[in-house]
Amino acid sequence: MWDTLAPLGRDKDSGGYRRFAWTDADRDVRDWFRGQAADRGLVYEEDRNGNQWAWLGDPEGEDAVVTGSHLDSVPDGGAYDGPLGVVTAFAALDALRERGAAPRKPLAITNFADEEGARFGLACVGSRLSAGALTKQDAFRLRDADGVSLPHAMERAGFDPEAIGADDARLNRVSAYVELHVEQGRALDLTGDPVGIASAIWPHGRWRFDWRGEANHAGTTRLVDRHDPMLPYAETVLAARREAALAQAVATFGKLHVVPGGVNAIPSLVRGWLDSRAADQETLDTVVRAIEEAARDAAAREGVDLAVVRESFTPVVEFGHALREELGRILPGDVPVLPTGAGHDAGILSAVIPTAMLFVRNPTGISHAPAEHAERADCHAGVTALADVLEELACEGRKEPACR
């Protein structure tokens, strides 16, 4: 499976992936998912929000157990973030069949649409829509860098955007969602464990900073006469690093848009996006507030206007202790439990259904980059762990003869 998925949406120059929502590359990986479902004789569905489902058992049945992740990527992302959870889900189902397990509950594998938010700027669009955390009206306002709206992009891809919205009936039939994901850090590498269990997701958000100055000639305008928005932007980047370090949080300016964008022109507008995350809400608020204050002070010194807009926010997610502890009971040995600073569909869905996460060791900690990696042996350990969990949850006891 991995070899058939790996070439899809990969950039030949960077080696990274550009599987953006509702593009040709996204269509290719969605076709791959549909093919995997067909190869296993599973019932295939696409829900009203474009999320893909592959069912073993009755899709209308109660108490379904669901696993999966996403197949889209950040710009030049790695191969494992998202796809590992989908590939291991199909592999875990194969393992269950090899064991002779016959789940009593419906079992589904999912690919949630537009998890990364790389195209429209909002992460977890598919799961947010399904969980009712994103309204149809707000979704229709989303635009990509070329001005294409989300509904127009969905329509181009053959979906009806008028149908999007909360999917209560479907989610009410789900008793548990377990997402496997490559760890996006080095905690497991440092402990020497191939698999871990998630405890919580840090609160995190995205803020857009617009510095508006005065466009002018780069060669003829005296320094003292300039209102250059690039200067307060640069100072704010440094402030973000400083404030995050003081609070043991993280803050990153990773995307920038400059107008008019000429080498020999002083910008009229610098637009930068801040991503910040912390272990708790109070710390995150303190960091972002300090960054904004530094940005305003720097803008005032240069005679530049500043507007700050919070584009998205996800509060802290504490995965339900009951399901998390159940995973710890099912898996052999002393499996480490660890928090993460990365957002996931499981975090969004946790507001409406019981969710849990498994992590597979990342030997370098690199993620959202082409060098992202997990050893094949650790991936197989993840398959085994996921299969054990699914067998226990869907069969209600792996050791009962009726489950075999």
Protein backbone atom coordinates (compact mmCIF):
# COMPACT_ATOMS: atom_id res chain seq x y z
CA MET A 1 0.00 0.00 0.00
CA TRP A 2 2.72 2.43 0.95
CA ASP A 3 4.47 2.05 -2.38
CA THR A 4 1.29 2.72 -4.35
CA LEU A 5 0.39 5.81 -2.32
CA ALA A 6 3.86 7.37 -2.06
CA PRO A 7 4.14 8.79 -5.62
CA LEU A 8 0.78 10.58 -5.55
CA GLY A 9 1.01 14.36 -5.19
CA ARG A 10 4.78 14.33 -4.69
CA ASP A 11 6.80 17.26 -6.04
CA LYS A 12 9.76 16.04 -8.07
CA ASP A 13 11.95 18.98 -7.10
CA SER A 14 11.40 19.26 -3.36
CA GLY A 15 10.53 15.61 -2.69
CA GLY A 16 7.66 16.86 -0.51
CA TYR A 17 3.93 16.48 -0.99
CA ARG A 18 1.42 19.03 -2.29
CA ARG A 19 -1.85 17.26 -1.76
CA PHE A 20 -4.08 20.29 -1.29
CA ALA A 21 -7.83 19.99 -0.78
CA TRP A 22 -10.00 19.58 -3.87
CA THR A 23 -7.10 19.59 -6.35
CA ASP A 24 -5.98 16.94 -8.84
CA ALA A 25 -3.52 15.53 -6.30
CA ASP A 26 -6.30 15.29 -3.74
CA ARG A 27 -8.48 13.50 -6.28
CA ASP A 28 -5.69 10.98 -6.88
CA VAL A 29 -5.32 10.06 -3.21
CA ARG A 30 -9.08 9.89 -2.81
CA ASP A 31 -9.19 7.46 -5.74
CA TRP A 32 -6.47 5.46 -3.99
CA PHE A 33 -8.62 5.27 -0.85
CA ARG A 34 -11.64 4.17 -2.86
CA GLY A 35 -9.55 1.46 -4.52
CA GLN A 36 -8.30 0.13 -1.18
CA ALA A 37 -11.89 -0.10 0.03
CA ALA A 38 -12.96 -1.95 -3.12
CA ASP A 39 -10.03 -4.39 -2.88
CA ARG A 40 -11.29 -5.44 0.57
CA GLY A 41 -14.97 -5.62 -0.30
CA LEU A 42 -15.82 -2.73 2.01
CA VAL A 43 -18.87 -0.50 1.64
CA TYR A 44 -17.62 2.85 0.34
CA GLU A 45 -19.27 6.21 1.12
CA GLU A 46 -18.56 9.92 0.82
CA ASP A 47 -20.43 11.97 3.38
CA ARG A 48 -21.99 15.39 2.87
CA ASN A 49 -18.68 17.12 3.75
CA GLY A 50 -16.49 15.12 1.38
CA ASN A 51 -15.04 12.81 4.03
CA GLN A 52 -14.46 9.24 2.82
CA TRP A 53 -15.67 6.15 4.69
CA ALA A 54 -14.96 2.45 4.10
CA TRP A 55 -17.21 0.14 6.13
CA LEU A 56 -16.92 -3.43 7.34
CA GLY A 57 -20.45 -4.04 8.52
CA ASP A 58 -23.59 -1.94 8.33
CA PRO A 59 -22.91 1.81 7.82
CA GLU A 60 -26.29 2.46 9.47
CA GLY A 61 -25.46 0.27 12.47
CA GLU A 62 -25.04 1.58 16.01
CA ASP A 63 -21.90 1.80 18.19
CA ALA A 64 -19.50 1.88 15.23
CA VAL A 65 -15.76 1.83 15.85
CA VAL A 66 -13.89 4.15 13.47
CA THR A 67 -10.23 4.66 12.65
CA GLY A 68 -8.27 6.57 10.01
CA SER A 69 -6.76 10.01 9.51
CA HIS A 70 -6.22 12.22 6.43
CA LEU A 71 -4.39 12.11 3.09
CA ASP A 72 -3.91 15.82 2.31
CA SER A 73 -0.67 17.65 3.13
CA VAL A 74 0.93 20.95 4.01
CA PRO A 75 3.08 22.56 1.28
CA ASP A 76 6.02 20.21 0.69
CA GLY A 77 4.90 18.06 3.58
CA GLY A 78 6.19 14.65 4.56
CA ALA A 79 4.87 11.24 3.57
CA TYR A 80 3.69 10.11 7.03
CA ASP A 81 1.63 12.95 8.51
CA GLY A 82 -1.91 11.70 7.93
CA PRO A 83 -1.31 8.91 5.40
CA LEU A 84 0.31 6.66 8.01
CA GLY A 85 -2.98 6.63 9.91
CA VAL A 86 -4.95 5.65 6.80
CA VAL A 87 -2.49 2.99 5.59
CA THR A 88 -2.21 1.41 9.04
CA ALA A 89 -6.00 1.41 9.32
CA PHE A 90 -6.33 -0.75 6.20
CA ALA A 91 -3.39 -2.90 7.35
CA ALA A 92 -4.97 -3.34 10.79
CA LEU A 93 -8.18 -4.53 9.14
CA ASP A 94 -6.12 -7.02 7.13
CA ALA A 95 -4.53 -8.20 10.38
CA LEU A 96 -7.93 -8.67 12.01
CA ARG A 97 -9.06 -10.83 9.11
CA GLU A 98 -5.86 -12.88 9.31
CA ARG A 99 -6.58 -13.46 13.00
CA GLY A 100 -10.09 -14.62 12.15
CA ALA A 101 -11.63 -11.78 14.14
CA ALA A 102 -15.27 -10.98 13.37
CA PRO A 103 -16.24 -7.60 14.85
CA ARG A 104 -19.69 -7.40 16.41
CA LYS A 105 -19.85 -3.66 15.78
CA PRO A 106 -19.60 -1.83 12.45
CA LEU A 107 -15.97 -0.93 11.73
CA ALA A 108 -15.03 1.99 9.48
CA ILE A 109 -11.87 3.52 8.01
CA THR A 110 -11.95 7.25 7.24
CA ASN A 111 -10.09 9.88 5.26
CA PHE A 112 -11.12 13.28 6.58
CA ALA A 113 -11.06 16.05 3.98
CA ASP A 114 -8.83 19.12 4.18
CA GLU A 115 -7.26 18.37 7.55
CA GLU A 116 -4.13 20.47 7.06
CA GLY A 117 -5.87 23.65 5.91
CA ALA A 118 -3.03 24.30 3.47
CA ARG A 119 -5.28 25.69 0.76
CA PHE A 120 -8.01 27.63 2.59
CA GLY A 121 -6.20 28.52 5.81
CA LEU A 122 -8.41 26.61 8.25
CA ALA A 123 -7.36 23.21 9.54
CA CYS A 124 -9.65 20.18 9.92
CA VAL A 125 -12.40 21.52 7.67
CA GLY A 126 -13.98 18.12 7.02
CA SER A 127 -14.16 17.08 10.66
CA ARG A 128 -15.13 20.61 11.81
CA LEU A 129 -18.08 20.61 9.43
CA SER A 130 -19.21 17.14 10.51
CA ALA A 131 -18.90 17.98 14.21
CA GLY A 132 -20.76 21.27 13.80
CA ALA A 133 -17.67 23.28 14.76
CA LEU A 134 -17.70 25.10 11.39
CA THR A 135 -20.91 26.50 9.96
CA LYS A 136 -21.83 26.38 6.30
CA GLN A 137 -21.83 30.17 6.21
CA ASP A 138 -18.28 30.43 7.59
CA ALA A 139 -17.08 27.64 5.31
CA PHE A 140 -18.44 29.50 2.28
CA ARG A 141 -16.29 32.52 3.24
CA LEU A 142 -13.04 30.56 2.96
CA ARG A 143 -10.81 31.53 0.01
CA ASP A 144 -7.49 30.23 -1.25
CA ALA A 145 -4.55 32.40 -2.32
CA ASP A 146 -6.02 32.73 -5.81
CA GLY A 147 -9.39 33.86 -4.52
CA VAL A 148 -11.14 30.54 -5.24
CA SER A 149 -13.83 29.86 -2.65
CA LEU A 150 -14.19 26.55 -0.85
CA PRO A 151 -17.65 25.85 -2.32
CA HIS A 152 -16.38 26.61 -5.83
CA ALA A 153 -13.41 24.26 -5.34
CA MET A 154 -15.70 21.50 -4.05
CA GLU A 155 -18.06 22.00 -6.97
CA ARG A 156 -15.17 21.76 -9.44
CA ALA A 157 -14.23 18.46 -7.82
CA GLY A 158 -17.74 17.10 -8.30
CA PHE A 159 -19.24 17.72 -4.85
CA ASP A 160 -22.35 19.64 -3.86
CA PRO A 161 -21.25 22.42 -1.49
CA GLU A 162 -24.86 23.20 -0.60
CA ALA A 163 -25.02 19.89 1.28
CA ILE A 164 -22.19 20.59 3.75
CA GLY A 165 -22.90 20.87 7.45
CA ALA A 166 -23.15 19.05 10.76
CA ASP A 167 -23.52 15.30 10.39
CA ASP A 168 -25.10 14.47 13.74
CA ALA A 169 -26.91 11.34 12.57
CA ARG A 170 -23.67 9.73 11.39
CA LEU A 171 -21.52 10.72 14.36
CA ASN A 172 -24.20 9.68 16.83
CA ARG A 173 -23.74 6.11 15.59
CA VAL A 174 -19.99 6.16 16.41
CA SER A 175 -18.94 4.78 19.80
CA ALA A 176 -15.20 5.42 19.40
CA TYR A 177 -12.75 7.04 16.99
CA VAL A 178 -9.08 6.01 17.28
CA GLU A 179 -6.56 7.84 15.11
CA LEU A 180 -3.00 6.60 14.60
CA HIS A 181 -0.46 9.27 13.67
CA VAL A 182 3.28 9.61 13.29
CA GLU A 183 4.60 11.50 16.29
CA GLN A 184 5.52 15.06 15.33
CA GLY A 185 8.30 15.32 17.85
CA ARG A 186 10.95 13.11 19.50
CA ALA A 187 9.37 12.05 22.79
CA LEU A 188 9.10 8.39 21.77
CA ASP A 189 12.56 8.41 20.25
CA LEU A 190 13.95 9.66 23.54
CA THR A 191 12.16 6.96 25.57
CA GLY A 192 12.89 4.21 23.04
CA ASP A 193 9.25 3.23 22.57
CA PRO A 194 7.79 2.46 19.12
CA VAL A 195 4.21 3.38 20.07
CA GLY A 196 2.62 5.85 22.47
CA ILE A 197 -0.83 7.06 23.54
CA ALA A 198 -1.92 10.70 23.33
CA SER A 199 -3.02 12.43 26.52
CA ALA A 200 -3.95 15.86 25.18
CA ILE A 201 -3.55 18.37 22.36
CA TRP A 202 -2.22 21.81 23.25
CA PRO A 203 -4.48 24.79 22.57
CA HIS A 204 -3.42 26.44 19.33
CA GLY A 205 -4.44 29.04 16.80
CA ARG A 206 -3.55 31.12 13.76
CA TRP A 207 -3.43 34.91 13.73
CA ARG A 208 -3.06 37.19 10.68
CA PHE A 209 -1.01 40.36 11.15
CA ASP A 210 -1.46 43.11 8.53
CA TRP A 211 1.16 45.87 8.61
CA ARG A 212 0.18 48.71 6.26
CA GLY A 213 2.83 51.26 5.38
CA GLU A 214 3.64 53.45 2.40
CA ALA A 215 4.90 52.10 -0.92
CA ASN A 216 7.85 54.01 -2.31
CA HIS A 217 11.06 53.73 -4.31
CA ALA A 218 13.72 51.58 -2.66
CA GLY A 219 16.56 53.62 -4.16
CA THR A 220 15.44 57.21 -3.77
CA THR A 221 13.47 57.32 -0.52
CA ARG A 222 15.53 58.42 2.50
CA LEU A 223 15.48 56.02 5.44
CA VAL A 224 14.03 58.72 7.71
CA ASP A 225 11.16 59.30 5.27
CA ARG A 226 10.09 55.68 5.06
CA HIS A 227 7.06 53.91 6.53
CA ASP A 228 8.27 50.41 5.78
CA PRO A 229 6.00 47.65 7.13
CA MET A 230 8.75 45.06 6.72
CA LEU A 231 10.63 46.45 9.72
CA PRO A 232 7.89 45.92 12.34
CA TYR A 233 7.23 42.52 10.79
CA ALA A 234 10.88 41.57 11.31
CA GLU A 235 10.83 42.82 14.89
CA THR A 236 7.67 40.83 15.55
CA VAL A 237 9.24 37.61 14.31
CA LEU A 238 12.04 38.07 16.83
CA ALA A 239 9.53 38.95 19.55
CA ALA A 240 7.58 35.78 18.82
CA ARG A 241 10.67 33.65 19.33
CA ARG A 242 11.57 35.53 22.52
CA GLU A 243 8.12 35.35 24.11
CA ALA A 244 7.64 31.68 23.22
CA ALA A 245 10.99 30.77 24.77
CA LEU A 246 10.15 32.63 27.98
CA ALA A 247 6.84 30.78 28.31
CA GLN A 248 8.07 27.35 27.14
CA ALA A 249 5.55 27.59 24.30
CA VAL A 250 5.99 27.77 20.52
CA ALA A 251 5.29 30.61 18.09
CA THR A 252 6.05 30.67 14.37
CA PHE A 253 5.66 33.06 11.47
CA GLY A 254 5.73 30.59 8.58
CA LYS A 255 3.77 32.38 5.85
CA LEU A 256 4.29 35.86 4.41
CA HIS A 257 2.64 37.97 1.70
CA VAL A 258 4.24 41.22 0.55
CA VAL A 259 2.58 43.90 -1.60
CA PRO A 260 3.57 44.96 -4.21
CA GLY A 261 6.42 42.45 -3.94
CA GLY A 262 9.03 44.29 -6.00
CA VAL A 263 12.73 44.00 -5.23
CA ASN A 264 13.18 47.73 -5.72
CA ALA A 265 9.98 48.81 -3.95
CA ILE A 266 9.24 49.54 -0.31
CA PRO A 267 6.14 47.46 0.54
CA SER A 268 2.75 49.01 1.16
CA LEU A 269 1.56 45.87 2.95
CA VAL A 270 3.23 43.01 4.78
CA ARG A 271 0.86 40.25 5.84
CA GLY A 272 2.23 37.54 8.12
CA TRP A 273 0.56 34.58 9.76
CA LEU A 274 1.40 33.56 13.32
CA ASP A 275 0.95 30.01 14.55
CA SER A 276 1.23 29.71 18.33
CA ARG A 277 0.68 26.81 20.74
CA ALA A 278 1.16 26.23 24.46
CA ALA A 279 0.47 23.65 27.14
CA ASP A 280 -2.48 25.62 28.54
CA GLN A 281 -4.84 28.44 27.59
CA GLU A 282 -3.43 31.03 29.99
CA THR A 283 0.11 30.58 28.68
CA LEU A 284 -1.02 30.79 25.06
CA ASP A 285 -3.00 33.98 25.75
CA THR A 286 0.02 35.52 27.46
CA VAL A 287 2.36 34.69 24.57
CA VAL A 288 0.05 35.98 21.83
CA ARG A 289 -0.76 39.13 23.78
CA ALA A 290 2.95 39.89 24.26
CA ILE A 291 3.65 39.29 20.56
CA GLU A 292 0.84 41.62 19.54
CA GLU A 293 2.06 44.33 21.93
CA ALA A 294 5.56 44.08 20.49
CA ALA A 295 4.11 44.27 16.97
CA ARG A 296 2.11 47.40 17.78
CA ASP A 297 5.07 49.12 19.41
CA ALA A 298 7.27 48.37 16.39
CA ALA A 299 4.57 49.53 13.98
CA ALA A 300 4.13 52.82 15.85
CA ARG A 301 7.86 53.54 15.68
CA GLU A 302 7.77 53.21 11.89
CA GLY A 303 4.49 55.07 11.33
CA VAL A 304 2.81 51.86 10.16
CA ASP A 305 -0.76 50.70 10.85
CA LEU A 306 -1.39 47.22 12.24
CA ALA A 307 -4.50 45.01 12.24
CA VAL A 308 -4.57 41.58 13.90
CA VAL A 309 -7.23 38.98 13.12
CA ARG A 310 -7.56 35.57 14.76
CA GLU A 311 -8.35 33.27 11.84
CA SER A 312 -8.73 30.02 13.75
CA PHE A 313 -8.47 28.65 17.25
CA THR A 314 -8.71 25.24 18.89
CA PRO A 315 -8.88 25.03 22.70
CA VAL A 316 -7.02 22.40 24.68
CA VAL A 317 -8.23 18.86 24.04
CA GLU A 318 -7.96 16.41 26.91
CA PHE A 319 -8.70 13.00 25.42
CA GLY A 320 -11.33 11.15 27.42
CA HIS A 321 -9.74 9.24 30.25
CA ALA A 322 -12.01 6.21 29.88
CA LEU A 323 -11.05 5.44 26.27
CA ARG A 324 -7.43 6.47 26.82
CA GLU A 325 -7.14 4.16 29.81
CA GLU A 326 -8.81 1.40 27.81
CA LEU A 327 -6.05 1.69 25.20
CA GLY A 328 -3.46 1.48 27.96
CA ARG A 329 -5.11 -1.69 29.26
CA ILE A 330 -5.32 -3.30 25.82
CA LEU A 331 -1.74 -2.65 24.73
CA PRO A 332 1.01 -4.77 26.29
CA GLY A 333 3.71 -3.28 28.49
CA ASP A 334 4.04 0.20 29.90
CA VAL A 335 3.01 2.32 26.90
CA PRO A 336 4.00 5.99 27.36
CA VAL A 337 1.27 8.62 27.45
CA LEU A 338 2.25 11.99 26.02
CA PRO A 339 0.75 15.32 24.96
CA THR A 340 1.20 16.88 21.53
CA GLY A 341 1.32 20.39 20.14
CA ALA A 342 -0.14 19.31 16.80
CA GLY A 343 -3.83 19.50 15.92
CA HIS A 344 -5.75 16.49 14.57
CA ASP A 345 -9.22 15.46 13.45
CA ALA A 346 -9.43 13.40 16.65
CA GLY A 347 -9.16 16.63 18.61
CA ILE A 348 -12.08 18.19 16.74
CA LEU A 349 -14.24 15.07 17.00
CA SER A 350 -13.53 14.72 20.74
CA ALA A 351 -16.22 17.35 21.39
CA VAL A 352 -18.95 15.04 20.09
CA ILE A 353 -17.67 11.42 20.25
CA PRO A 354 -15.14 9.47 22.36
CA THR A 355 -11.73 9.76 20.70
CA ALA A 356 -8.19 8.56 21.31
CA MET A 357 -4.85 8.65 19.50
CA LEU A 358 -1.87 6.38 19.04
CA PHE A 359 1.54 7.73 18.03
CA VAL A 360 4.27 5.92 16.10
CA ARG A 361 7.89 6.86 16.83
CA ASN A 362 9.54 9.52 14.66
CA PRO A 363 13.33 9.02 14.94
CA THR A 364 14.24 12.60 13.98
CA GLY A 365 11.21 14.53 15.17
CA ILE A 366 10.97 16.21 11.75
CA SER A 367 7.44 16.74 10.46
CA HIS A 368 5.72 18.96 7.87
CA ALA A 369 8.85 18.53 5.76
CA PRO A 370 10.13 15.99 3.20
CA ALA A 371 12.52 14.44 5.74
CA GLU A 372 9.62 13.24 7.91
CA HIS A 373 10.14 9.53 8.57
CA ALA A 374 9.18 6.47 10.56
CA GLU A 375 10.99 3.14 10.47
CA ARG A 376 9.08 0.31 8.83
CA ALA A 377 9.37 -1.86 11.96
CA ASP A 378 7.77 0.89 14.05
CA CYS A 379 5.00 1.28 11.47
CA HIS A 380 4.31 -2.46 11.77
CA ALA A 381 4.26 -2.07 15.56
CA GLY A 382 1.65 0.62 15.04
CA VAL A 383 -0.42 -1.73 12.87
CA THR A 384 -0.32 -4.40 15.56
CA ALA A 385 -1.27 -1.93 18.29
CA LEU A 386 -4.13 -0.52 16.23
CA ALA A 387 -5.38 -4.01 15.34
CA ASP A 388 -5.33 -4.99 19.02
CA VAL A 389 -7.32 -1.88 19.94
CA LEU A 390 -9.86 -2.32 17.13
CA GLU A 391 -10.34 -6.00 17.93
CA GLU A 392 -10.98 -5.24 21.59
CA LEU A 393 -13.32 -2.30 20.93
CA ALA A 394 -15.23 -3.80 18.01
CA CYS A 395 -15.34 -7.37 19.33
CA GLU A 396 -15.87 -6.37 22.96
CA GLY A 397 -13.19 -8.71 24.20
CA ARG A 398 -10.54 -10.35 22.08
CA LYS A 399 -10.45 -13.54 24.15
CA GLU A 400 -14.12 -14.38 23.73
CA PRO A 401 -14.59 -17.28 21.29
CA ALA A 402 -17.50 -15.55 19.51
CA CYS A 403 -15.08 -12.86 18.41
CA ARG A 404 -13.07 -15.32 16.34
